[in-house]
Protein backbone atom coordinates (compact mmCIF):
# COMPACT_ATOMS: atom_id res chain seq x y z
CA MET A 1 19.30 16.04 -16.64
CA ALA A 2 16.08 15.05 -14.88
CA SER A 3 14.63 17.17 -12.11
CA ARG A 4 15.05 15.92 -8.56
CA LEU A 5 11.90 17.72 -7.48
CA GLY A 6 9.75 15.18 -5.67
CA LYS A 7 12.37 12.44 -5.84
CA MET A 8 12.65 10.65 -2.52
CA PRO A 9 15.96 10.18 -0.73
CA ILE A 10 17.15 6.56 -0.95
CA TRP A 11 16.33 5.76 2.71
CA GLN A 12 12.78 7.02 2.22
CA ARG A 13 12.37 5.10 -1.02
CA TYR A 14 13.42 1.85 0.69
CA PHE A 15 11.17 2.60 3.67
CA VAL A 16 8.13 3.29 1.46
CA ILE A 17 8.66 0.35 -0.89
CA GLY A 18 9.64 -2.05 1.88
CA SER A 19 6.79 -1.22 4.23
CA ILE A 20 4.18 -1.29 1.47
CA PHE A 21 5.44 -4.59 0.04
CA LEU A 22 5.58 -6.21 3.48
CA CYS A 23 2.10 -4.95 4.27
CA SER A 24 0.81 -6.22 0.93
CA ILE A 25 2.50 -9.62 1.28
CA THR A 26 1.22 -10.18 4.82
CA GLY A 27 -2.26 -9.05 3.75
CA LEU A 28 -2.25 -11.51 0.84
CA MET A 29 -0.94 -14.26 3.11
CA TYR A 30 -3.72 -13.62 5.61
CA LEU A 31 -6.34 -13.56 2.85
CA LEU A 32 -5.13 -16.88 1.44
CA VAL A 33 -4.84 -18.58 4.83
CA ASN A 34 -7.93 -17.19 6.55
CA ASP A 35 -10.49 -16.54 3.80
CA PHE A 36 -9.43 -19.11 1.20
CA HIS A 37 -8.40 -21.69 3.81
CA LEU A 38 -5.00 -22.48 2.36
CA THR A 39 -2.84 -24.28 4.88
CA PRO A 40 -0.14 -22.03 6.29
CA LEU A 41 3.36 -23.36 5.87
CA ILE A 42 4.87 -21.75 8.95
CA PHE A 43 2.70 -19.02 10.42
CA ARG A 44 -0.68 -19.15 12.08
CA PRO A 45 -3.36 -16.68 10.93
CA HIS A 46 -3.06 -14.58 14.10
CA THR A 47 0.71 -14.22 13.61
CA ILE A 48 0.20 -13.16 9.98
CA LEU A 49 -2.50 -10.68 11.01
CA SER A 50 -0.21 -9.24 13.69
CA TRP A 51 2.56 -8.72 11.15
CA HIS A 52 0.04 -7.20 8.74
CA GLY A 53 -1.02 -4.72 11.41
CA LEU A 54 2.57 -3.76 12.24
CA THR A 55 3.54 -3.32 8.60
CA ALA A 56 0.33 -1.34 7.98
CA MET A 57 1.46 1.09 10.68
CA ALA A 58 4.81 1.45 8.92
CA ALA A 59 3.07 1.87 5.54
CA SER A 60 0.88 4.60 7.05
CA MET A 61 4.01 6.38 8.27
CA ALA A 62 5.50 5.96 4.79
CA LEU A 63 2.38 7.54 3.28
CA GLY A 64 2.75 10.48 5.63
CA SER A 65 6.40 10.86 4.65
CA VAL A 66 5.58 11.22 0.94
CA LEU A 67 2.58 13.53 1.24
CA THR A 68 4.51 16.73 1.81
CA VAL A 69 7.01 16.60 -1.06
CA HIS A 70 6.59 13.63 -3.41
CA LEU A 71 2.82 13.91 -3.83
CA LYS A 72 2.89 17.68 -4.10
CA ALA A 73 5.61 17.56 -6.77
CA GLY A 74 3.73 14.90 -8.73
CA LEU A 75 0.54 16.95 -8.70
CA LYS A 76 2.41 20.06 -9.80
CA ALA A 77 4.18 18.19 -12.61
CA LYS A 78 0.96 16.37 -13.57
CA GLN A 79 2.85 13.09 -13.85
CA GLN A 80 1.52 9.66 -13.00
CA MET A 81 -1.73 11.16 -11.77
CA VAL A 82 -3.79 7.96 -12.13
CA SER A 83 -1.38 5.65 -10.31
CA GLY A 84 -0.39 8.22 -7.70
CA LEU A 85 -3.89 9.42 -6.83
CA GLY A 86 -5.19 5.85 -7.19
CA GLN A 87 -2.76 4.77 -4.49
CA LEU A 88 -3.76 7.65 -2.24
CA VAL A 89 -7.49 6.93 -2.58
CA CYS A 90 -6.92 3.21 -2.01
CA LEU A 91 -4.75 3.82 1.06
CA LEU A 92 -7.33 6.11 2.59
CA ALA A 93 -10.04 3.52 1.88
CA LEU A 94 -7.84 0.78 3.38
CA ILE A 95 -7.38 2.82 6.56
CA LEU A 96 -11.13 3.39 6.74
CA THR A 97 -12.03 -0.27 6.19
CA ALA A 98 -9.37 -1.37 8.70
CA ALA A 99 -10.93 0.97 11.26
CA LEU A 100 -14.35 -0.53 10.48
CA LEU A 101 -12.94 -4.03 11.03
CA TYR A 102 -11.89 -3.18 14.55
CA TYR A 103 -14.21 -0.42 15.65
CA GLY A 104 -17.23 -0.63 13.37
CA PRO A 105 -20.55 -2.34 14.00
CA ALA A 106 -20.63 -6.13 13.73
CA GLU A 107 -23.17 -6.05 10.89
CA LEU A 108 -20.65 -4.21 8.66
CA ARG A 109 -17.73 -6.54 9.41
CA GLU A 110 -18.16 -8.95 6.49
CA HIS A 111 -18.59 -6.08 4.04
CA ALA A 112 -15.53 -4.32 5.49
CA ILE A 113 -13.44 -7.52 5.13
CA THR A 114 -14.40 -7.93 1.47
CA ALA A 115 -13.90 -4.25 0.70
CA HIS A 116 -10.52 -4.25 2.49
CA TRP A 117 -9.04 -7.11 0.49
CA VAL A 118 -10.49 -5.97 -2.85
CA ILE A 119 -9.14 -2.43 -2.31
CA GLY A 120 -5.82 -3.88 -1.09
CA ILE A 121 -5.36 -5.82 -4.33
CA LEU A 122 -6.37 -2.77 -6.36
CA PHE A 123 -3.86 -0.67 -4.39
CA LEU A 124 -1.07 -3.17 -5.09
CA GLY A 125 -1.80 -2.85 -8.81
CA PHE A 126 -1.57 0.96 -8.64
CA PHE A 127 1.62 0.74 -6.58
CA LEU A 128 3.34 -1.70 -8.96
CA GLY A 129 2.26 0.38 -11.96
CA HIS A 130 3.64 3.52 -10.33
CA MET A 131 6.96 1.84 -9.59
CA LEU A 132 7.27 0.23 -13.03
CA HIS A 133 6.64 3.56 -14.74
CA ILE A 134 9.35 5.19 -12.66
CA SER A 135 11.81 2.35 -13.36
CA CYS A 136 11.15 2.48 -17.12
CA LYS A 137 11.52 6.27 -17.11
CA GLN A 138 14.84 6.10 -15.23
CA LYS A 139 16.21 3.48 -17.66
CA ALA A 140 15.21 5.63 -20.62
CA LEU A 141 17.07 8.61 -19.15
CA SER A 142 20.29 6.67 -18.57
């Protein structure tokens, strides 16, 4: 039987996955509409950006909820270190670049925008890899 150490309760798992996916989707939507000038089907760029900000707040809370148990257990077990720590580094960098977008000097804004979306895409890759590894591991155990 597999250890439950570090395994999130179901409500927390849904909160973490849901908030991070919604944040990622709204970020990608904003990138495509605003930076790549794809015509929005329904939402205006400001509406998408507002939703991205709200879901980023939820994703930040989700990060805080996993730091105390899930991350600690993963570090102790030395499992999924690359995807787990990759996510953590990316999330911290995303928070920093988001702060630069709103509170940083104007001359850094374009660099912060580019860094934010590149790191966001990298984060999504780490997150999906982390989830896929867990799903494959659970299927192998059952």
